[in-house]
Amino acid sequence: MAAIPTSSQGPGLAIDARSLDALRSKAGADPKGAAREVAKQFEALFMGEMLKSMRASTLNTGALDNEGSRMGTEMLDAQLSQKMTGLPGGLSDAVMRHLERQMGLSPGPIPSKAAANPTVLPLERLNKPTAIPQTGAAGFVQQHTEAARQAEKTTGIPAAFMVSQAALETGWGRKEIRHGDGSTSFNLFGIKAGPNWKGPVAEIRTTEYINGRAQTVTAKFRAYSSYAESFADYARLISNSPRYQRVMADADSAAGFARGLQKAGYATDPAYADKLTRVINTTLRLQRSLA
């Protein structure tokens, strides 16, 4: 039996289809509030099942045990479960903290190692989409923020935007461009080695969108001697090239910066601007937590 809604609970439990739709809408506008609501509803369900189990162990089979009394007991248990839900230090607090980490509203543990986003498995074996946040996302931001700030001083491109694009291009450091021997190219932005590039290169198989369709191609990418050099080269490219003039003009907002890059043809992914905007928002939250 679904719990009876109260004024503090909202429209109902998430097991109701209309409540699910309401939660989806709330998650877009207020993700933290949606996480809190889901955590409270989970705790209410848990408390309801616990009360139900306690009632079953002390079942009364006397004259007063009938359909009406059982319905009244269930209604009372539903109200009790709601009254006991959302108390400080309760189960909902722990569930909410877990949901916030999964949704990117608070960072996961910050790794102590210097490597970008260390993982248990070798990087080459991680052929699945990157979950955000994951263990090491905060470490990635912490590792690269200083180099991004140095690049910001000379070009004006916000450091958070550059760190975010590096995170998007490398899957928070899990899928860096590597040489044939497995060593990193330090290329965090996927900048290709064109005819005018005189430095070292890394040649890899990559995905390009040609006429709207994803295709695997072989391409040469620039290689650097450090991550700081990668940030500096990227910042020079964006700030000095006429192709990216509109990007600099719209760099006062995350969405404007991301749209400018996509319109200028930085990436062939048709959803690149939306993806980058989401990652920028995640990076900004992580930076605030690390401050």
Protein backbone atom coordinates (compact mmCIF):
# COMPACT_ATOMS: atom_id res chain seq x y z
CA MET A 1 0.00 0.00 0.00
CA ALA A 2 1.44 3.40 -0.94
CA ALA A 3 2.05 5.84 1.87
CA ILE A 4 -0.53 8.56 2.35
CA PRO A 5 0.89 11.87 1.11
CA THR A 6 1.43 14.58 3.71
CA SER A 7 2.01 18.27 3.25
CA SER A 8 5.73 17.79 3.86
CA GLN A 9 6.12 14.84 1.56
CA GLY A 10 4.85 16.34 -1.71
CA PRO A 11 2.72 14.69 -4.38
CA GLY A 12 3.47 11.05 -3.51
CA LEU A 13 6.00 8.28 -3.62
CA ALA A 14 8.22 7.76 -6.65
CA ILE A 15 6.60 4.40 -7.33
CA ASP A 16 3.63 6.37 -8.71
CA ALA A 17 4.03 7.21 -12.42
CA ARG A 18 2.96 10.84 -11.99
CA SER A 19 5.38 11.27 -9.09
CA LEU A 20 8.17 9.84 -11.22
CA ASP A 21 7.48 12.43 -13.92
CA ALA A 22 7.47 15.18 -11.29
CA LEU A 23 10.80 13.98 -9.93
CA ARG A 24 12.32 13.91 -13.42
CA SER A 25 11.26 17.52 -13.97
CA LYS A 26 12.56 18.54 -10.56
CA ALA A 27 15.89 16.83 -11.22
CA GLY A 28 16.47 19.12 -14.19
CA ALA A 29 15.64 22.34 -12.35
CA ASP A 30 16.76 21.44 -8.82
CA PRO A 31 18.91 18.26 -8.80
CA LYS A 32 19.86 18.66 -5.14
CA GLY A 33 16.21 18.98 -4.12
CA ALA A 34 15.30 15.95 -6.23
CA ALA A 35 18.05 13.90 -4.56
CA ARG A 36 16.72 14.92 -1.15
CA GLU A 37 13.16 13.92 -2.12
CA VAL A 38 14.22 10.52 -3.48
CA ALA A 39 16.27 9.86 -0.31
CA LYS A 40 13.27 10.68 1.90
CA GLN A 41 10.98 8.45 -0.13
CA PHE A 42 13.46 5.59 0.04
CA GLU A 43 13.65 5.96 3.82
CA ALA A 44 9.84 6.10 4.04
CA LEU A 45 9.54 2.84 2.10
CA PHE A 46 12.21 1.25 4.31
CA MET A 47 10.46 2.36 7.51
CA GLY A 48 7.14 1.15 6.16
CA GLU A 49 8.53 -2.31 5.45
CA MET A 50 10.12 -2.42 8.91
CA LEU A 51 6.80 -1.55 10.59
CA LYS A 52 5.02 -4.11 8.43
CA SER A 53 7.51 -6.76 9.52
CA MET A 54 7.04 -5.81 13.18
CA ARG A 55 3.25 -6.02 12.85
CA ALA A 56 3.50 -9.44 11.25
CA SER A 57 5.53 -10.79 14.18
CA THR A 58 2.80 -9.68 16.62
CA LEU A 59 -0.23 -10.53 14.47
CA ASN A 60 -3.55 -10.37 16.36
CA THR A 61 -6.02 -13.03 15.21
CA GLY A 62 -8.78 -12.05 17.66
CA ALA A 63 -12.22 -10.64 17.00
CA LEU A 64 -10.85 -7.19 16.22
CA ASP A 65 -8.68 -8.54 13.40
CA ASN A 66 -10.62 -7.87 10.22
CA GLU A 67 -10.23 -6.10 6.90
CA GLY A 68 -11.18 -2.74 8.36
CA SER A 69 -8.74 -2.95 11.26
CA ARG A 70 -5.95 -4.09 8.96
CA MET A 71 -6.59 -1.12 6.65
CA GLY A 72 -6.51 1.24 9.62
CA THR A 73 -3.24 -0.30 10.80
CA GLU A 74 -1.69 0.09 7.37
CA MET A 75 -2.76 3.75 7.23
CA LEU A 76 -1.32 4.34 10.70
CA ASP A 77 1.96 2.67 9.71
CA ALA A 78 2.13 4.82 6.58
CA GLN A 79 1.74 7.95 8.69
CA LEU A 80 4.32 6.76 11.23
CA SER A 81 6.85 5.98 8.49
CA GLN A 82 6.45 9.52 7.15
CA LYS A 83 6.84 11.06 10.63
CA MET A 84 10.07 9.12 11.18
CA THR A 85 11.48 10.05 7.76
CA GLY A 86 13.92 12.89 7.12
CA LEU A 87 15.21 13.23 10.69
CA PRO A 88 18.80 14.56 11.04
CA GLY A 89 21.35 11.76 10.94
CA GLY A 90 18.82 9.29 9.58
CA LEU A 91 18.94 6.91 6.63
CA SER A 92 17.79 9.59 4.17
CA ASP A 93 20.88 11.71 4.93
CA ALA A 94 23.20 8.83 4.00
CA VAL A 95 21.18 8.03 0.86
CA MET A 96 21.17 11.70 -0.19
CA ARG A 97 24.96 11.98 0.15
CA HIS A 98 25.38 8.89 -2.03
CA LEU A 99 22.95 10.24 -4.67
CA GLU A 100 24.69 13.63 -4.72
CA ARG A 101 28.03 11.96 -5.45
CA GLN A 102 26.46 9.89 -8.23
CA MET A 103 24.77 12.96 -9.75
CA GLY A 104 27.88 15.12 -9.63
CA LEU A 105 26.56 17.44 -6.89
CA SER A 106 29.46 16.66 -4.57
CA PRO A 107 32.90 15.24 -5.35
CA GLY A 108 34.03 11.72 -4.65
CA PRO A 109 37.27 10.95 -2.82
CA ILE A 110 40.29 12.94 -3.98
CA PRO A 111 43.10 10.59 -4.97
CA SER A 112 46.48 11.09 -3.34
CA LYS A 113 48.50 10.04 -6.39
CA ALA A 114 49.66 12.60 -8.95
CA ALA A 115 48.46 10.63 -11.98
CA ALA A 116 45.38 11.94 -13.74
CA ASN A 117 42.28 10.13 -12.45
CA PRO A 118 43.94 6.83 -11.40
CA THR A 119 41.80 3.73 -11.83
CA VAL A 120 42.12 0.08 -10.86
CA LEU A 121 42.04 -1.26 -14.41
CA PRO A 122 44.57 -0.27 -17.09
CA LEU A 123 43.31 2.66 -19.15
CA GLU A 124 43.22 0.63 -22.37
CA ARG A 125 40.68 -1.79 -20.86
CA LEU A 126 38.16 0.87 -19.89
CA ASN A 127 36.06 0.96 -23.04
CA LYS A 128 32.87 2.29 -21.47
CA PRO A 129 31.40 5.78 -21.06
CA THR A 130 32.86 7.82 -18.22
CA ALA A 131 30.61 8.19 -15.19
CA ILE A 132 30.64 11.63 -13.57
CA PRO A 133 31.60 12.05 -10.89
CA GLN A 134 33.79 9.04 -10.29
CA THR A 135 36.72 8.48 -8.00
CA GLY A 136 39.40 10.77 -9.37
CA ALA A 137 37.21 13.45 -10.99
CA ALA A 138 38.04 15.86 -8.19
CA GLY A 139 41.67 14.77 -8.48
CA PHE A 140 41.67 15.63 -12.19
CA VAL A 141 40.36 19.12 -11.45
CA GLN A 142 42.85 19.56 -8.61
CA GLN A 143 45.75 18.36 -10.76
CA HIS A 144 45.15 20.62 -13.77
CA THR A 145 43.65 23.82 -12.34
CA GLU A 146 47.00 25.57 -11.80
CA ALA A 147 48.17 24.97 -15.40
CA ALA A 148 44.80 26.21 -16.64
CA ARG A 149 45.08 29.35 -14.50
CA GLN A 150 48.47 30.13 -15.99
CA ALA A 151 46.96 29.82 -19.48
CA GLU A 152 44.06 32.03 -18.40
CA LYS A 153 46.46 34.82 -17.38
CA THR A 154 47.81 35.12 -20.92
CA THR A 155 44.62 34.57 -22.91
CA GLY A 156 41.61 35.35 -20.71
CA ILE A 157 39.95 31.98 -21.29
CA PRO A 158 38.40 30.90 -17.95
CA ALA A 159 40.49 28.17 -16.32
CA ALA A 160 37.40 26.16 -15.38
CA PHE A 161 36.32 26.05 -19.04
CA MET A 162 39.70 24.69 -20.13
CA VAL A 163 39.85 22.09 -17.36
CA SER A 164 36.33 21.00 -18.31
CA GLN A 165 37.17 20.62 -21.97
CA ALA A 166 40.24 18.58 -21.05
CA ALA A 167 37.99 16.40 -18.88
CA LEU A 168 35.50 15.93 -21.72
CA GLU A 169 38.18 15.15 -24.30
CA THR A 170 39.98 12.61 -22.08
CA GLY A 171 37.11 11.16 -20.03
CA TRP A 172 38.48 12.80 -16.85
CA GLY A 173 41.95 11.52 -17.71
CA ARG A 174 41.02 7.91 -18.42
CA LYS A 175 41.39 8.08 -22.19
CA GLU A 176 44.34 10.29 -22.90
CA ILE A 177 45.95 10.20 -26.34
CA ARG A 178 48.92 7.85 -26.07
CA HIS A 179 51.94 6.93 -28.13
CA GLY A 180 52.43 3.44 -29.50
CA ASP A 181 54.51 2.49 -26.45
CA GLY A 182 51.69 3.48 -24.10
CA SER A 183 53.25 6.71 -22.84
CA THR A 184 51.05 9.79 -22.72
CA SER A 185 51.21 12.52 -25.36
CA PHE A 186 50.08 15.08 -22.73
CA ASN A 187 47.50 16.19 -25.33
CA LEU A 188 44.41 16.90 -23.22
CA PHE A 189 42.37 18.66 -25.92
CA GLY A 190 42.50 16.36 -28.93
CA ILE A 191 44.35 18.93 -31.05
CA LYS A 192 45.42 17.37 -34.32
CA ALA A 193 48.85 17.77 -35.89
CA GLY A 194 48.25 19.71 -39.08
CA PRO A 195 50.81 20.54 -41.82
CA ASN A 196 52.13 23.51 -39.83
CA TRP A 197 52.86 21.49 -36.68
CA LYS A 198 56.61 20.84 -36.35
CA GLY A 199 56.60 19.06 -32.99
CA PRO A 200 56.19 15.37 -32.06
CA VAL A 201 52.96 13.53 -32.89
CA ALA A 202 50.91 10.61 -31.66
CA GLU A 203 49.02 8.59 -34.25
CA ILE A 204 45.87 6.83 -33.03
CA ARG A 205 42.49 5.49 -34.12
CA THR A 206 39.69 7.86 -33.20
CA THR A 207 35.98 8.50 -33.85
CA GLU A 208 34.89 11.27 -36.21
CA TYR A 209 31.36 12.29 -37.22
CA ILE A 210 31.20 12.45 -41.02
CA ASN A 211 27.84 13.55 -42.47
CA GLY A 212 26.31 12.92 -39.07
CA ARG A 213 27.58 9.34 -38.79
CA ALA A 214 30.27 8.15 -36.38
CA GLN A 215 33.26 6.59 -38.18
CA THR A 216 36.61 5.30 -36.94
CA VAL A 217 39.62 6.93 -38.61
CA THR A 218 43.37 7.15 -38.08
CA ALA A 219 44.65 10.63 -37.21
CA LYS A 220 47.81 12.36 -36.02
CA PHE A 221 47.67 14.46 -32.87
CA ARG A 222 50.08 16.93 -31.35
CA ALA A 223 52.30 15.65 -28.53
CA TYR A 224 53.79 17.71 -25.72
CA SER A 225 56.34 17.38 -22.94
CA SER A 226 53.92 18.32 -20.14
CA TYR A 227 50.26 19.02 -19.36
CA ALA A 228 51.09 22.70 -18.83
CA GLU A 229 52.39 22.84 -22.41
CA SER A 230 49.13 21.31 -23.61
CA PHE A 231 47.06 23.98 -21.83
CA ALA A 232 49.29 26.77 -23.18
CA ASP A 233 49.06 25.51 -26.77
CA TYR A 234 45.29 25.09 -26.58
CA ALA A 235 44.85 28.59 -25.12
CA ARG A 236 46.99 30.12 -27.90
CA LEU A 237 44.99 28.28 -30.54
CA ILE A 238 41.62 29.48 -29.25
CA SER A 239 42.67 33.06 -28.52
CA ASN A 240 44.76 33.73 -31.66
CA SER A 241 42.90 31.91 -34.42
CA PRO A 242 40.27 33.95 -36.36
CA ARG A 243 38.26 30.74 -36.56
CA TYR A 244 37.57 30.92 -32.81
CA GLN A 245 36.98 34.66 -32.56
CA ARG A 246 33.33 34.18 -31.57
CA VAL A 247 34.36 31.69 -28.89
CA MET A 248 36.34 34.39 -27.10
CA ALA A 249 33.48 36.85 -27.49
CA ASP A 250 31.06 34.44 -25.79
CA ALA A 251 33.47 33.19 -23.10
CA ASP A 252 31.53 35.01 -20.37
CA SER A 253 29.18 32.02 -20.01
CA ALA A 254 29.64 28.26 -20.04
CA ALA A 255 26.87 27.68 -22.59
CA GLY A 256 28.10 30.49 -24.87
CA PHE A 257 31.67 29.20 -24.79
CA ALA A 258 30.55 25.63 -25.54
CA ARG A 259 28.24 26.69 -28.39
CA GLY A 260 30.96 28.86 -29.87
CA LEU A 261 33.38 25.95 -29.99
CA GLN A 262 30.83 23.72 -31.70
CA LYS A 263 29.85 26.38 -34.25
CA ALA A 264 33.53 26.97 -35.04
CA GLY A 265 33.91 23.26 -35.77
CA TYR A 266 36.22 22.34 -32.89
CA ALA A 267 34.57 18.91 -32.66
CA THR A 268 32.39 16.91 -35.05
CA ASP A 269 30.13 15.51 -32.31
CA PRO A 270 26.71 17.19 -32.83
CA ALA A 271 26.07 17.09 -29.05
CA TYR A 272 29.46 18.54 -28.14
CA ALA A 273 28.15 21.88 -26.80
CA ASP A 274 25.61 20.25 -24.48
CA LYS A 275 28.17 17.77 -23.18
CA LEU A 276 30.77 20.46 -22.54
CA THR A 277 28.27 22.70 -20.74
CA ARG A 278 27.37 19.87 -18.35
CA VAL A 279 31.04 19.10 -17.66
CA ILE A 280 31.78 22.79 -16.99
CA ASN A 281 29.01 22.88 -14.39
CA THR A 282 30.43 19.75 -12.75
CA THR A 283 33.95 21.23 -12.72
CA LEU A 284 32.72 24.45 -11.12
CA ARG A 285 31.05 22.45 -8.33
CA LEU A 286 34.23 20.45 -7.77
CA GLN A 287 36.37 23.59 -7.67
CA ARG A 288 34.09 25.15 -5.08
CA SER A 289 34.38 22.05 -2.91
CA LEU A 290 38.17 22.07 -3.22
CA ALA A 291 38.56 25.77 -2.42
